[in-house]
Amino acid sequence: MLELARLDDLPADYRAALGEQNLVPLWPSLRAVLPPGQPRPRTQATCWHYEALRPLLLQAGELTPIEKAERRVLVLANPGHGLDKMQASAAIYLGMQLLLPGEIAPSHRHTPNAVRMIVEGEGAYTTVNGEKCPMQRGDLILTPTGLWHEHGHDGDAPVVWLDVLDLPLVYYMEASYVEEGQPQTITGLGSERAYLRGGVVPSPVFTRTNPRYPMLRYPWADVRAALLALAAQQPAGEAVQVAYVNPETGSDCQNILGYSALMLRPGETLQLPARSPATVLHLIEGAAEAGIGGKPFTLAEADTCCAPGFAPLTLRNRSSEQPAFLFIADEAPLHKKLGLYEVRHG
């Protein structure tokens, strides 16, 4: 490959003259922005173990009242991007959020899309544009861009959930902001019940305007049952996976990040191909091992790990008797919209 000139090959007075005009020569940095063959992601294969994280999150509840925090969150930061960047990958933000009994995280709305994967506890809820969404372990709750949302807790034990946002991308585009709101009046409950049967959706006689996000809560009980039913008929060796979609259109439930759930049969090992988007894995139930680009991570329940783009993935159920269930978030919808999505086999 052609060897390009370096910046220090240029005379100092020439470089100074360029700087005075806000000009930069491309050729010394060309291979940094256009590396040969495939990208060189900053995202590193990283794992956050819930057993180590949880005491620090509970301590945050003792140190900082909700009135001083608004959202009490420990960010899962990828060291490849620098901890100050507070991002798990180029487009994914992760945070573990704590809500204690009696607390209310006040109403607001923001431009980044968010989802909540409930990790532990009962009695809390998220209200999204007037719809009250109960929070139970394994549930996925959407708080899409521009929708008012707040969190409350009527139970008697801490509730924790994993936040997944497209904040890094929205912030990079200089489009990230929040608006504070007033406590919401609850106007609905359980829109997901209208979509309990595959292949049928509400269809009144008179024309109606379909909401952009018709389903805000995806109960884990239903998702788990769907995975078990699929596993019963799926050939051995094929991935048992379901996607979280808009039930009216069948498209991804949000615009930038994609979400799915995957079941590993007892003792099963899956070899997944290298794909261009970064991927987040969160273990809901069971015991598993993730090999990310050859680097092994042992996962217990509620552990979360991140795989950079173009890294091959190996997933193994460490139990020979019980299935394991993983929640997956990735950048695939964004890559597909931009025409960048790529899968590499072998």
Foldseek 3Di string as FASTA:
>chain_A
DDDFDAPVVDDPVVVVVCVVVVHDDCGNCVCVVVPPPAHDFLADWDKDACVVVVVVLVVLCVVDPCVRVLWSWDWPDGPSVPVVLQANGQFKTKIKTKDAAFDKNAKKFKAKKKKKQWADDFAKWKAWQQETGGDDHGKIFTRGHPIIMMMHGNDHGMTMIMMMIRVNVCVVVVNIDMDGDHDDHRDHYDLVVQVLDPPDHDDDPDDDDQDLQSDGMDDRVSQVVQLVVQVVPDDPQDWRKDWDPRRVPRHANYQFKTKMKTKAAAFDKHKAWFKAKKKKKAWRDAWKWKQWLNRIDTHDHGMMIIHHGRTIIMMTGPGNHDMTMIMMMIRVNNCVVVVNIDTDDD
